[in-house]
Amino acid sequence: MKAMILAAGKGERMRPLTLHTPKPLIPVAGVPLIEYHLRALAAAGFKEVVINHAWLGQQIEDYLGDGAQFGLHIVYSPEGEPLETGGGIFRALPLLGSEPFLVVNGDVWTSYDFNVVPRTLNGLAHLVMIDNPAHHPTGDFTLRDGQLSDAQPGAATLTYSGIAVLAPALFAGCQPGAFKLAPLLREAMLAGQVSGEHFSGHWVDVGTHERLGEVEQLLAVAH
């Protein structure tokens, strides 16, 4: 199975760190954020990784190279203009092939074990869900009996972790350009085509300086 790391975000809230450094290369406990994903993917047996990038993307290529140092083969999907999550993945589909692939947001830090992601799908997508963090209290979707649906009034919700297995067919009918992933997922949910799991381990969306500090504290405890 191939994996894609989404690394095209600009990281506005992480300024001034991101003025000269792309967000995935910001050091967390001395290690670039994206490197945690690469090590975890290699440990789970992944060999081929696609990374999209836009803002200061050449730095990402210069630092990671072809991935050999991690035991991986990395190819890049440069985006001249930001394409959002859906558009970025759609653009990279020729590099990802015809089988389901793992996708991971480049700006999250997690202890999630990529060994456990399903290698096959019964539908169009499988999302890893987490408890709603303080910065996203309303959550995204409802998980019931392993199936995901759009959040209903009064129903318990979970937050999408930014980790998923997607089938290329999810993007059938899409056109090149910038578009979001969520509407495609909601459409697939209506058709009963999206499964999910609840992950309760460590997960931090490293979107602010405070949350960067949170990860450094977690890593300090781990060591």
N, C-alpha and C. Protein backbone atom coordinates (compact mmCIF):
# COMPACT_ATOMS: atom_id res chain seq x y z
N MET A 1 0.84 -1.20 0.00
CA MET A 1 0.00 0.00 0.00
C MET A 1 0.88 1.25 0.00
N LYS A 2 0.49 2.22 -0.83
CA LYS A 2 1.22 3.48 -0.85
C LYS A 2 0.63 4.44 0.18
N ALA A 3 1.42 5.42 0.58
CA ALA A 3 0.96 6.42 1.55
C ALA A 3 1.19 7.80 0.96
N MET A 4 0.32 8.74 1.33
CA MET A 4 0.50 10.13 0.92
C MET A 4 0.49 11.00 2.16
N ILE A 5 1.50 11.86 2.27
CA ILE A 5 1.55 12.83 3.36
C ILE A 5 1.21 14.20 2.78
N LEU A 6 0.20 14.84 3.38
CA LEU A 6 -0.25 16.16 2.91
C LEU A 6 0.62 17.23 3.56
N ALA A 7 1.41 17.90 2.75
CA ALA A 7 2.40 18.84 3.30
C ALA A 7 2.38 20.18 2.58
N ALA A 8 1.21 20.55 2.04
CA ALA A 8 1.15 21.77 1.22
C ALA A 8 0.66 23.00 1.99
N GLY A 9 0.29 22.83 3.25
CA GLY A 9 -0.24 23.96 4.01
C GLY A 9 0.79 25.03 4.30
N LYS A 10 0.32 26.24 4.50
CA LYS A 10 1.24 27.36 4.71
C LYS A 10 1.58 27.59 6.18
N GLY A 11 0.71 27.10 7.08
CA GLY A 11 1.01 27.24 8.51
C GLY A 11 0.99 28.67 9.00
N GLU A 12 -0.05 29.41 8.61
CA GLU A 12 -0.15 30.83 8.97
C GLU A 12 -0.06 31.06 10.49
N ARG A 13 -0.72 30.18 11.26
CA ARG A 13 -0.78 30.39 12.71
C ARG A 13 0.54 30.04 13.40
N MET A 14 1.47 29.47 12.65
CA MET A 14 2.76 29.09 13.23
C MET A 14 3.84 30.14 12.95
N ARG A 15 3.44 31.27 12.40
CA ARG A 15 4.43 32.33 12.17
C ARG A 15 5.01 32.78 13.51
N PRO A 16 6.25 33.26 13.57
CA PRO A 16 7.18 33.45 12.44
C PRO A 16 7.93 32.19 12.02
N LEU A 17 7.71 31.06 12.71
CA LEU A 17 8.45 29.84 12.37
C LEU A 17 8.30 29.46 10.90
N THR A 18 7.07 29.68 10.35
CA THR A 18 6.80 29.20 8.99
C THR A 18 7.10 30.24 7.91
N LEU A 19 7.64 31.40 8.29
CA LEU A 19 7.99 32.38 7.27
C LEU A 19 9.13 31.88 6.39
N HIS A 20 10.04 31.12 6.99
CA HIS A 20 11.22 30.65 6.24
C HIS A 20 11.34 29.13 6.23
N THR A 21 10.46 28.46 6.99
CA THR A 21 10.51 27.00 7.08
C THR A 21 9.12 26.44 6.80
N PRO A 22 8.98 25.48 5.88
CA PRO A 22 7.66 24.89 5.68
C PRO A 22 7.24 24.15 6.95
N LYS A 23 5.95 24.20 7.25
CA LYS A 23 5.44 23.65 8.50
C LYS A 23 5.90 22.20 8.76
N PRO A 24 5.92 21.31 7.74
CA PRO A 24 6.33 19.93 8.01
C PRO A 24 7.79 19.79 8.47
N LEU A 25 8.58 20.83 8.24
CA LEU A 25 10.00 20.75 8.64
C LEU A 25 10.26 21.45 9.97
N ILE A 26 9.23 22.00 10.60
CA ILE A 26 9.43 22.63 11.91
C ILE A 26 9.88 21.56 12.90
N PRO A 27 10.98 21.80 13.62
CA PRO A 27 11.48 20.77 14.53
C PRO A 27 10.61 20.63 15.77
N VAL A 28 10.32 19.40 16.11
CA VAL A 28 9.60 19.06 17.33
C VAL A 28 10.52 18.15 18.13
N ALA A 29 10.97 18.64 19.29
CA ALA A 29 11.98 17.90 20.07
C ALA A 29 13.18 17.55 19.19
N GLY A 30 13.56 18.51 18.33
CA GLY A 30 14.76 18.36 17.52
C GLY A 30 14.60 17.58 16.23
N VAL A 31 13.39 17.08 15.97
CA VAL A 31 13.14 16.28 14.76
C VAL A 31 12.04 16.95 13.94
N PRO A 32 12.24 17.14 12.62
CA PRO A 32 11.18 17.74 11.81
C PRO A 32 9.88 16.95 11.93
N LEU A 33 8.77 17.68 12.04
CA LEU A 33 7.47 17.07 12.26
C LEU A 33 7.19 15.93 11.29
N ILE A 34 7.47 16.13 10.01
CA ILE A 34 7.14 15.13 9.00
C ILE A 34 7.95 13.84 9.19
N GLU A 35 9.10 13.97 9.83
CA GLU A 35 9.97 12.80 9.99
C GLU A 35 9.35 11.76 10.92
N TYR A 36 8.52 12.20 11.87
CA TYR A 36 7.83 11.24 12.74
C TYR A 36 6.92 10.34 11.91
N HIS A 37 6.21 10.93 10.95
CA HIS A 37 5.35 10.14 10.07
C HIS A 37 6.17 9.17 9.23
N LEU A 38 7.26 9.66 8.66
CA LEU A 38 8.07 8.82 7.78
C LEU A 38 8.65 7.63 8.54
N ARG A 39 9.12 7.86 9.74
CA ARG A 39 9.66 6.75 10.55
C ARG A 39 8.57 5.74 10.88
N ALA A 40 7.38 6.27 11.23
CA ALA A 40 6.26 5.38 11.59
C ALA A 40 5.78 4.57 10.38
N LEU A 41 5.75 5.21 9.21
CA LEU A 41 5.34 4.50 8.00
C LEU A 41 6.33 3.39 7.65
N ALA A 42 7.62 3.72 7.74
CA ALA A 42 8.65 2.71 7.45
C ALA A 42 8.55 1.54 8.43
N ALA A 43 8.31 1.86 9.70
CA ALA A 43 8.20 0.81 10.72
C ALA A 43 6.99 -0.09 10.47
N ALA A 44 5.96 0.45 9.81
CA ALA A 44 4.75 -0.32 9.52
C ALA A 44 4.83 -1.04 8.19
N GLY A 45 6.00 -0.97 7.55
CA GLY A 45 6.20 -1.73 6.31
C GLY A 45 5.86 -0.99 5.03
N PHE A 46 5.53 0.28 5.13
CA PHE A 46 5.29 1.05 3.91
C PHE A 46 6.61 1.30 3.20
N LYS A 47 6.56 1.29 1.88
CA LYS A 47 7.78 1.51 1.10
C LYS A 47 7.70 2.76 0.23
N GLU A 48 6.50 3.05 -0.29
CA GLU A 48 6.36 4.16 -1.24
C GLU A 48 5.49 5.26 -0.65
N VAL A 49 6.02 6.48 -0.66
CA VAL A 49 5.32 7.62 -0.08
C VAL A 49 5.28 8.77 -1.09
N VAL A 50 4.12 9.36 -1.24
CA VAL A 50 3.94 10.56 -2.06
C VAL A 50 3.76 11.74 -1.11
N ILE A 51 4.47 12.83 -1.35
CA ILE A 51 4.33 14.03 -0.53
C ILE A 51 3.98 15.20 -1.45
N ASN A 52 2.85 15.86 -1.15
CA ASN A 52 2.55 17.08 -1.91
C ASN A 52 3.10 18.28 -1.16
N HIS A 53 3.39 19.32 -1.86
CA HIS A 53 3.90 20.52 -1.20
C HIS A 53 3.61 21.75 -2.05
N ALA A 54 3.60 22.91 -1.39
CA ALA A 54 3.40 24.18 -2.10
C ALA A 54 4.34 25.23 -1.49
N TRP A 55 3.98 25.69 -0.30
CA TRP A 55 4.75 26.74 0.37
C TRP A 55 6.14 26.23 0.74
N LEU A 56 7.20 26.88 0.17
CA LEU A 56 8.60 26.51 0.46
C LEU A 56 8.86 25.02 0.23
N GLY A 57 8.14 24.47 -0.73
CA GLY A 57 8.20 23.02 -0.94
C GLY A 57 9.56 22.47 -1.31
N GLN A 58 10.35 23.28 -2.00
CA GLN A 58 11.67 22.79 -2.39
C GLN A 58 12.51 22.42 -1.18
N GLN A 59 12.31 23.12 -0.06
CA GLN A 59 13.04 22.78 1.17
C GLN A 59 12.71 21.36 1.63
N ILE A 60 11.44 20.97 1.46
CA ILE A 60 11.03 19.62 1.86
C ILE A 60 11.76 18.59 0.99
N GLU A 61 11.81 18.84 -0.32
CA GLU A 61 12.51 17.92 -1.23
C GLU A 61 14.01 17.87 -0.90
N ASP A 62 14.57 19.05 -0.64
CA ASP A 62 16.01 19.09 -0.36
C ASP A 62 16.36 18.32 0.91
N TYR A 63 15.47 18.42 1.90
CA TYR A 63 15.76 17.77 3.19
C TYR A 63 15.51 16.26 3.13
N LEU A 64 14.40 15.86 2.55
CA LEU A 64 14.02 14.43 2.58
C LEU A 64 14.62 13.63 1.43
N GLY A 65 14.90 14.32 0.31
CA GLY A 65 15.46 13.61 -0.85
C GLY A 65 14.54 12.51 -1.33
N ASP A 66 15.13 11.38 -1.72
CA ASP A 66 14.33 10.28 -2.27
C ASP A 66 13.82 9.33 -1.19
N GLY A 67 14.11 9.65 0.09
CA GLY A 67 13.59 8.86 1.18
C GLY A 67 14.44 7.68 1.60
N ALA A 68 15.55 7.47 0.88
CA ALA A 68 16.38 6.28 1.16
C ALA A 68 16.86 6.24 2.60
N GLN A 69 17.12 7.42 3.19
CA GLN A 69 17.61 7.46 4.58
C GLN A 69 16.59 6.90 5.57
N PHE A 70 15.31 6.83 5.14
CA PHE A 70 14.26 6.29 6.01
C PHE A 70 13.85 4.88 5.57
N GLY A 71 14.53 4.37 4.54
CA GLY A 71 14.12 3.07 4.00
C GLY A 71 12.86 3.18 3.15
N LEU A 72 12.61 4.38 2.61
CA LEU A 72 11.41 4.63 1.82
C LEU A 72 11.78 5.12 0.42
N HIS A 73 10.81 5.08 -0.46
CA HIS A 73 10.96 5.73 -1.77
C HIS A 73 9.94 6.85 -1.83
N ILE A 74 10.40 8.10 -1.83
CA ILE A 74 9.52 9.26 -1.81
C ILE A 74 9.46 9.90 -3.20
N VAL A 75 8.24 10.18 -3.64
CA VAL A 75 8.06 11.00 -4.84
C VAL A 75 7.21 12.21 -4.43
N TYR A 76 7.34 13.28 -5.19
CA TYR A 76 6.71 14.54 -4.80
C TYR A 76 5.65 14.98 -5.80
N SER A 77 4.66 15.66 -5.28
CA SER A 77 3.59 16.23 -6.11
C SER A 77 3.54 17.74 -5.82
N PRO A 78 4.37 18.52 -6.53
CA PRO A 78 4.41 19.96 -6.26
C PRO A 78 3.13 20.64 -6.74
N GLU A 79 2.67 21.61 -5.96
CA GLU A 79 1.49 22.38 -6.34
C GLU A 79 1.89 23.84 -6.46
N GLY A 80 1.76 24.37 -7.64
CA GLY A 80 2.10 25.78 -7.84
C GLY A 80 1.20 26.68 -7.01
N GLU A 81 -0.09 26.32 -6.97
CA GLU A 81 -1.05 27.07 -6.16
C GLU A 81 -1.71 26.09 -5.19
N PRO A 82 -2.11 26.54 -4.01
CA PRO A 82 -2.73 25.63 -3.04
C PRO A 82 -4.00 25.00 -3.61
N LEU A 83 -4.12 23.69 -3.50
CA LEU A 83 -5.25 22.97 -4.10
C LEU A 83 -6.23 22.43 -3.06
N GLU A 84 -6.01 22.75 -1.77
CA GLU A 84 -6.80 22.20 -0.67
C GLU A 84 -6.61 20.68 -0.65
N THR A 85 -7.21 20.05 0.36
CA THR A 85 -6.95 18.62 0.55
C THR A 85 -7.42 17.77 -0.62
N GLY A 86 -8.67 17.99 -1.03
CA GLY A 86 -9.21 17.18 -2.12
C GLY A 86 -8.45 17.36 -3.42
N GLY A 87 -8.22 18.62 -3.79
CA GLY A 87 -7.52 18.91 -5.03
C GLY A 87 -6.09 18.40 -5.03
N GLY A 88 -5.44 18.48 -3.85
CA GLY A 88 -4.06 18.00 -3.74
C GLY A 88 -3.96 16.49 -3.92
N ILE A 89 -4.90 15.76 -3.30
CA ILE A 89 -4.89 14.31 -3.46
C ILE A 89 -5.24 13.94 -4.90
N PHE A 90 -6.24 14.61 -5.45
CA PHE A 90 -6.65 14.32 -6.84
C PHE A 90 -5.48 14.48 -7.80
N ARG A 91 -4.71 15.55 -7.60
CA ARG A 91 -3.57 15.80 -8.48
C ARG A 91 -2.52 14.69 -8.37
N ALA A 92 -2.41 14.11 -7.18
CA ALA A 92 -1.39 13.08 -6.94
C ALA A 92 -1.85 11.67 -7.32
N LEU A 93 -3.11 11.50 -7.71
CA LEU A 93 -3.63 10.15 -7.99
C LEU A 93 -2.78 9.36 -8.99
N PRO A 94 -2.26 9.98 -10.06
CA PRO A 94 -1.43 9.19 -10.98
C PRO A 94 -0.20 8.57 -10.29
N LEU A 95 0.27 9.21 -9.21
CA LEU A 95 1.42 8.67 -8.48
C LEU A 95 1.00 7.60 -7.47
N LEU A 96 -0.29 7.58 -7.13
CA LEU A 96 -0.78 6.68 -6.08
C LEU A 96 -1.31 5.36 -6.60
N GLY A 97 -1.59 5.30 -7.90
CA GLY A 97 -2.03 4.03 -8.48
C GLY A 97 -3.51 3.76 -8.31
N SER A 98 -3.91 2.51 -8.57
CA SER A 98 -5.34 2.17 -8.64
C SER A 98 -5.87 1.53 -7.36
N GLU A 99 -5.00 1.25 -6.40
CA GLU A 99 -5.42 0.60 -5.15
C GLU A 99 -5.67 1.63 -4.05
N PRO A 100 -6.41 1.25 -3.00
CA PRO A 100 -6.59 2.16 -1.87
C PRO A 100 -5.23 2.57 -1.29
N PHE A 101 -5.17 3.81 -0.81
CA PHE A 101 -3.90 4.33 -0.28
C PHE A 101 -4.16 5.01 1.05
N LEU A 102 -3.12 5.10 1.87
CA LEU A 102 -3.19 5.79 3.15
C LEU A 102 -2.89 7.26 2.93
N VAL A 103 -3.64 8.13 3.59
CA VAL A 103 -3.33 9.56 3.54
C VAL A 103 -3.21 10.08 4.97
N VAL A 104 -2.21 10.93 5.19
CA VAL A 104 -1.93 11.44 6.53
C VAL A 104 -1.67 12.95 6.43
N ASN A 105 -2.32 13.71 7.28
CA ASN A 105 -2.01 15.15 7.34
C ASN A 105 -0.60 15.34 7.87
N GLY A 106 0.19 16.15 7.17
CA GLY A 106 1.57 16.35 7.56
C GLY A 106 1.76 17.15 8.82
N ASP A 107 0.69 17.84 9.28
CA ASP A 107 0.87 18.70 10.45
C ASP A 107 0.24 18.14 11.72
N VAL A 108 0.02 16.81 11.74
CA VAL A 108 -0.40 16.21 13.00
C VAL A 108 0.74 15.34 13.54
N TRP A 109 0.78 15.25 14.86
CA TRP A 109 1.72 14.33 15.51
C TRP A 109 0.87 13.31 16.26
N THR A 110 1.19 12.03 16.10
CA THR A 110 0.36 11.01 16.70
C THR A 110 1.16 9.75 17.02
N SER A 111 0.64 9.01 17.98
CA SER A 111 1.24 7.70 18.30
C SER A 111 0.50 6.58 17.57
N TYR A 112 -0.39 6.94 16.64
CA TYR A 112 -1.16 5.94 15.90
C TYR A 112 -0.23 4.96 15.18
N ASP A 113 -0.58 3.68 15.23
CA ASP A 113 0.24 2.63 14.62
C ASP A 113 -0.28 2.34 13.21
N PHE A 114 0.47 2.73 12.20
CA PHE A 114 0.03 2.54 10.82
C PHE A 114 -0.08 1.07 10.41
N ASN A 115 0.45 0.18 11.26
CA ASN A 115 0.29 -1.25 11.00
C ASN A 115 -1.17 -1.68 10.97
N VAL A 116 -2.02 -0.96 11.72
CA VAL A 116 -3.40 -1.43 11.90
C VAL A 116 -4.38 -0.88 10.87
N VAL A 117 -3.95 0.00 9.97
CA VAL A 117 -4.91 0.51 8.98
C VAL A 117 -5.34 -0.63 8.05
N PRO A 118 -6.61 -0.64 7.66
CA PRO A 118 -7.05 -1.70 6.74
C PRO A 118 -6.35 -1.57 5.39
N ARG A 119 -5.92 -2.69 4.88
CA ARG A 119 -5.24 -2.68 3.56
C ARG A 119 -6.24 -2.80 2.41
N THR A 120 -7.47 -3.16 2.75
CA THR A 120 -8.53 -3.21 1.73
C THR A 120 -9.73 -2.46 2.28
N LEU A 121 -10.61 -2.03 1.38
CA LEU A 121 -11.80 -1.27 1.77
C LEU A 121 -13.06 -1.99 1.31
N ASN A 122 -14.12 -1.88 2.12
CA ASN A 122 -15.43 -2.35 1.68
C ASN A 122 -16.20 -1.23 0.99
N GLY A 123 -15.71 -0.03 1.11
CA GLY A 123 -16.38 1.12 0.49
C GLY A 123 -15.37 2.02 -0.18
N LEU A 124 -15.54 3.33 0.03
CA LEU A 124 -14.67 4.30 -0.63
C LEU A 124 -13.65 4.93 0.32
N ALA A 125 -13.89 4.80 1.64
CA ALA A 125 -12.97 5.44 2.59
C ALA A 125 -13.09 4.81 3.96
N HIS A 126 -11.99 4.90 4.71
CA HIS A 126 -11.95 4.47 6.11
C HIS A 126 -11.21 5.57 6.87
N LEU A 127 -11.88 6.17 7.85
CA LEU A 127 -11.29 7.30 8.57
C LEU A 127 -10.94 6.92 10.00
N VAL A 128 -9.80 7.41 10.45
CA VAL A 128 -9.41 7.27 11.85
C VAL A 128 -9.96 8.48 12.60
N MET A 129 -10.79 8.22 13.60
CA MET A 129 -11.46 9.28 14.35
C MET A 129 -10.90 9.37 15.76
N ILE A 130 -10.93 10.58 16.31
CA ILE A 130 -10.40 10.80 17.67
C ILE A 130 -11.44 11.55 18.50
N ASP A 131 -11.25 11.55 19.83
CA ASP A 131 -12.10 12.36 20.70
C ASP A 131 -11.95 13.83 20.31
N ASN A 132 -13.04 14.59 20.41
CA ASN A 132 -13.00 15.99 19.99
C ASN A 132 -12.01 16.79 20.83
N PRO A 133 -11.01 17.40 20.18
CA PRO A 133 -10.06 18.22 20.94
C PRO A 133 -10.70 19.55 21.36
N ALA A 134 -10.04 20.22 22.28
CA ALA A 134 -10.59 21.48 22.82
C ALA A 134 -10.84 22.52 21.72
N HIS A 135 -9.99 22.50 20.67
CA HIS A 135 -10.13 23.52 19.62
C HIS A 135 -11.18 23.12 18.57
N HIS A 136 -11.79 21.94 18.74
CA HIS A 136 -12.82 21.49 17.78
C HIS A 136 -13.90 20.70 18.53
N PRO A 137 -14.60 21.38 19.47
CA PRO A 137 -15.49 20.66 20.39
C PRO A 137 -16.72 20.03 19.75
N THR A 138 -17.12 20.53 18.57
CA THR A 138 -18.35 19.99 17.96
C THR A 138 -18.11 18.73 17.16
N GLY A 139 -16.84 18.41 16.88
CA GLY A 139 -16.54 17.19 16.12
C GLY A 139 -16.94 17.28 14.66
N ASP A 140 -16.82 16.15 13.96
CA ASP A 140 -17.08 16.12 12.53
C ASP A 140 -18.18 15.13 12.14
N PHE A 141 -18.02 13.88 12.59
CA PHE A 141 -18.90 12.81 12.14
C PHE A 141 -19.31 11.92 13.31
N THR A 142 -20.34 11.11 13.07
CA THR A 142 -20.81 10.15 14.07
C THR A 142 -20.38 8.75 13.65
N LEU A 143 -19.79 8.01 14.57
CA LEU A 143 -19.34 6.64 14.32
C LEU A 143 -20.29 5.69 15.02
N ARG A 144 -20.92 4.81 14.24
CA ARG A 144 -21.83 3.83 14.82
C ARG A 144 -21.65 2.50 14.11
N ASP A 145 -21.33 1.45 14.88
CA ASP A 145 -21.14 0.11 14.32
C ASP A 145 -20.13 0.11 13.17
N GLY A 146 -19.05 0.88 13.36
CA GLY A 146 -17.99 0.87 12.36
C GLY A 146 -18.27 1.69 11.11
N GLN A 147 -19.45 2.34 11.05
CA GLN A 147 -19.79 3.17 9.89
C GLN A 147 -19.87 4.62 10.31
N LEU A 148 -19.46 5.50 9.41
CA LEU A 148 -19.49 6.93 9.70
C LEU A 148 -20.64 7.61 8.98
N SER A 149 -21.25 8.58 9.67
CA SER A 149 -22.27 9.41 9.05
C SER A 149 -22.03 10.86 9.46
N ASP A 150 -22.63 11.77 8.70
CA ASP A 150 -22.50 13.18 9.04
C ASP A 150 -23.13 13.41 10.42
N ALA A 151 -22.57 14.33 11.16
CA ALA A 151 -23.04 14.58 12.53
C ALA A 151 -24.51 14.97 12.53
N GLN A 152 -25.30 14.25 13.34
CA GLN A 152 -26.72 14.56 13.48
C GLN A 152 -26.95 15.32 14.78
N PRO A 153 -27.95 16.21 14.83
CA PRO A 153 -28.24 16.94 16.07
C PRO A 153 -28.46 15.98 17.23
N GLY A 154 -27.75 16.21 18.32
CA GLY A 154 -27.93 15.37 19.50
C GLY A 154 -27.12 14.10 19.53
N ALA A 155 -26.53 13.72 18.39
CA ALA A 155 -25.74 12.48 18.34
C ALA A 155 -24.29 12.77 18.75
N ALA A 156 -23.67 11.78 19.39
CA ALA A 156 -22.26 11.94 19.78
C ALA A 156 -21.40 12.03 18.53
N THR A 157 -20.38 12.87 18.59
CA THR A 157 -19.50 13.03 17.43
C THR A 157 -18.04 12.77 17.81
N LEU A 158 -17.25 12.51 16.78
CA LEU A 158 -15.81 12.40 16.90
C LEU A 158 -15.19 13.30 15.85
N THR A 159 -13.89 13.56 15.98
CA THR A 159 -13.17 14.44 15.06
C THR A 159 -12.28 13.61 14.13
N TYR A 160 -12.29 13.96 12.85
CA TYR A 160 -11.43 13.30 11.87
C TYR A 160 -9.98 13.64 12.18
N SER A 161 -9.15 12.60 12.28
CA SER A 161 -7.76 12.77 12.71
C SER A 161 -6.83 13.26 11.61
N GLY A 162 -7.29 13.23 10.36
CA GLY A 162 -6.37 13.51 9.26
C GLY A 162 -5.65 12.27 8.78
N ILE A 163 -6.09 11.10 9.28
CA ILE A 163 -5.52 9.81 8.84
C ILE A 163 -6.66 9.01 8.22
N ALA A 164 -6.47 8.53 7.00
CA ALA A 164 -7.54 7.80 6.31
C ALA A 164 -6.95 6.85 5.28
N VAL A 165 -7.75 5.85 4.92
CA VAL A 165 -7.47 5.05 3.73
C VAL A 165 -8.54 5.42 2.72
N LEU A 166 -8.12 5.82 1.53
CA LEU A 166 -9.05 6.27 0.51
C LEU A 166 -8.93 5.42 -0.75
N ALA A 167 -10.07 5.17 -1.39
CA ALA A 167 -10.06 4.50 -2.70
C ALA A 167 -10.02 5.58 -3.77
N PRO A 168 -9.22 5.37 -4.83
CA PRO A 168 -9.19 6.36 -5.90
C PRO A 168 -10.59 6.69 -6.44
N ALA A 169 -11.50 5.70 -6.37
CA ALA A 169 -12.86 5.91 -6.90
C ALA A 169 -13.62 7.00 -6.15
N LEU A 170 -13.16 7.36 -4.94
CA LEU A 170 -13.79 8.45 -4.20
C LEU A 170 -13.76 9.74 -5.02
N PHE A 171 -12.77 9.85 -5.89
CA PHE A 171 -12.55 11.08 -6.66
C PHE A 171 -13.12 11.01 -8.08
N ALA A 172 -13.91 9.98 -8.34
CA ALA A 172 -14.50 9.84 -9.68
C ALA A 172 -15.34 11.07 -9.99
N GLY A 173 -15.14 11.61 -11.17
CA GLY A 173 -15.92 12.78 -11.58
C GLY A 173 -15.34 14.11 -11.16
N CYS A 174 -14.27 14.09 -10.36
CA CYS A 174 -13.65 15.35 -9.93
C CYS A 174 -12.85 15.97 -11.07
N GLN A 175 -12.69 17.27 -11.01
CA GLN A 175 -11.91 18.00 -12.00
C GLN A 175 -10.69 18.61 -11.33
N PRO A 176 -9.58 18.80 -12.08
CA PRO A 176 -8.39 19.44 -11.50
C PRO A 176 -8.72 20.82 -10.96
N GLY A 177 -8.00 21.19 -9.90
CA GLY A 177 -8.23 22.49 -9.28
C GLY A 177 -8.36 22.33 -7.77
N ALA A 178 -8.65 23.43 -7.10
CA ALA A 178 -8.74 23.40 -5.63
C ALA A 178 -10.13 22.97 -5.19
N PHE A 179 -10.19 21.94 -4.34
CA PHE A 179 -11.47 21.57 -3.72
C PHE A 179 -11.20 20.81 -2.43
N LYS A 180 -12.21 20.82 -1.55
CA LYS A 180 -12.07 20.19 -0.23
C LYS A 180 -12.41 18.70 -0.30
N LEU A 181 -11.88 17.96 0.67
CA LEU A 181 -12.14 16.53 0.76
C LEU A 181 -13.49 16.24 1.43
N ALA A 182 -13.85 17.05 2.43
CA ALA A 182 -15.04 16.75 3.25
C ALA A 182 -16.32 16.52 2.44
N PRO A 183 -16.64 17.35 1.42
CA PRO A 183 -17.87 17.09 0.67
C PRO A 183 -17.88 15.72 -0.01
N LEU A 184 -16.73 15.25 -0.48
CA LEU A 184 -16.66 13.92 -1.10
C LEU A 184 -16.94 12.85 -0.05
N LEU A 185 -16.38 13.04 1.14
CA LEU A 185 -16.60 12.07 2.21
C LEU A 185 -18.07 12.05 2.63
N ARG A 186 -18.67 13.23 2.75
CA ARG A 186 -20.09 13.28 3.16
C ARG A 186 -20.98 12.60 2.13
N GLU A 187 -20.67 12.79 0.86
CA GLU A 187 -21.45 12.15 -0.21
C GLU A 187 -21.32 10.64 -0.10
N ALA A 188 -20.09 10.17 0.14
CA ALA A 188 -19.86 8.72 0.27
C ALA A 188 -20.55 8.17 1.53
N MET A 189 -20.60 8.97 2.59
CA MET A 189 -21.28 8.53 3.82
C MET A 189 -22.77 8.30 3.57
N LEU A 190 -23.37 9.18 2.79
CA LEU A 190 -24.79 9.05 2.48
C LEU A 190 -25.07 7.72 1.77
N ALA A 191 -24.07 7.24 1.05
CA ALA A 191 -24.21 5.96 0.33
C ALA A 191 -23.72 4.79 1.17
N GLY A 192 -23.38 5.06 2.45
CA GLY A 192 -22.91 3.97 3.32
C GLY A 192 -21.55 3.42 2.95
N GLN A 193 -20.72 4.29 2.37
CA GLN A 193 -19.44 3.83 1.81
C GLN A 193 -18.22 4.23 2.64
N VAL A 194 -18.44 4.71 3.88
CA VAL A 194 -17.31 5.18 4.70
C VAL A 194 -17.32 4.47 6.06
N SER A 195 -16.27 3.71 6.31
CA SER A 195 -16.10 3.05 7.60
C SER A 195 -15.19 3.91 8.48
N GLY A 196 -15.11 3.56 9.76
CA GLY A 196 -14.27 4.34 10.66
C GLY A 196 -13.84 3.54 11.86
N GLU A 197 -12.86 4.08 12.57
CA GLU A 197 -12.39 3.49 13.82
C GLU A 197 -12.12 4.63 14.80
N HIS A 198 -12.16 4.32 16.09
CA HIS A 198 -11.93 5.32 17.13
C HIS A 198 -10.56 5.09 17.73
N PHE A 199 -9.67 6.06 17.57
CA PHE A 199 -8.32 5.98 18.13
C PHE A 199 -8.26 6.86 19.36
N SER A 200 -7.81 6.28 20.48
CA SER A 200 -7.80 7.05 21.73
C SER A 200 -6.39 7.34 22.25
N GLY A 201 -5.38 7.09 21.41
CA GLY A 201 -4.01 7.37 21.83
C GLY A 201 -3.64 8.83 21.60
N HIS A 202 -2.34 9.12 21.62
CA HIS A 202 -1.89 10.51 21.48
C HIS A 202 -2.11 11.03 20.06
N TRP A 203 -2.63 12.25 19.99
CA TRP A 203 -2.85 12.92 18.71
C TRP A 203 -2.88 14.42 18.97
N VAL A 204 -2.06 15.16 18.24
CA VAL A 204 -2.06 16.63 18.37
C VAL A 204 -1.99 17.24 16.97
N ASP A 205 -2.91 18.15 16.70
CA ASP A 205 -2.86 18.93 15.47
C ASP A 205 -1.91 20.10 15.76
N VAL A 206 -0.71 20.02 15.20
CA VAL A 206 0.32 21.01 15.53
C VAL A 206 0.07 22.29 14.72
N GLY A 207 -1.01 22.99 15.09
CA GLY A 207 -1.41 24.17 14.33
C GLY A 207 -1.06 25.48 15.00
N THR A 208 -0.62 25.42 16.27
CA THR A 208 -0.27 26.64 16.99
C THR A 208 1.00 26.39 17.79
N HIS A 209 1.61 27.47 18.26
CA HIS A 209 2.82 27.34 19.08
C HIS A 209 2.53 26.57 20.37
N GLU A 210 1.30 26.76 20.93
CA GLU A 210 0.94 26.06 22.16
C GLU A 210 0.92 24.56 21.94
N ARG A 211 0.34 24.14 20.81
CA ARG A 211 0.23 22.70 20.55
C ARG A 211 1.58 22.09 20.17
N LEU A 212 2.46 22.90 19.60
CA LEU A 212 3.83 22.45 19.37
C LEU A 212 4.47 22.12 20.72
N GLY A 213 4.27 23.01 21.69
CA GLY A 213 4.79 22.78 23.04
C GLY A 213 4.20 21.55 23.68
N GLU A 214 2.91 21.30 23.40
CA GLU A 214 2.23 20.12 23.94
C GLU A 214 2.90 18.82 23.46
N VAL A 215 3.23 18.78 22.17
CA VAL A 215 3.91 17.59 21.63
C VAL A 215 5.27 17.41 22.27
N GLU A 216 6.00 18.51 22.44
CA GLU A 216 7.34 18.41 23.03
C GLU A 216 7.24 17.86 24.46
N GLN A 217 6.19 18.25 25.19
CA GLN A 217 5.99 17.71 26.54
C GLN A 217 5.69 16.21 26.50
N LEU A 218 4.83 15.80 25.56
CA LEU A 218 4.50 14.38 25.43
C LEU A 218 5.75 13.56 25.12
N LEU A 219 6.58 14.09 24.23
CA LEU A 219 7.81 13.37 23.84
C LEU A 219 8.79 13.33 25.00
N ALA A 220 8.85 14.39 25.79
CA ALA A 220 9.74 14.42 26.94
C ALA A 220 9.34 13.35 27.96
N VAL A 221 8.02 13.17 28.16
CA VAL A 221 7.52 12.16 29.08
C VAL A 221 7.83 10.76 28.55
N ALA A 222 7.70 10.60 27.22
CA ALA A 222 7.93 9.29 26.60
C ALA A 222 9.38 8.83 26.77
N HIS A 223 10.27 9.80 26.86
CA HIS A 223 11.69 9.45 27.00
C HIS A 223 12.10 9.53 28.45
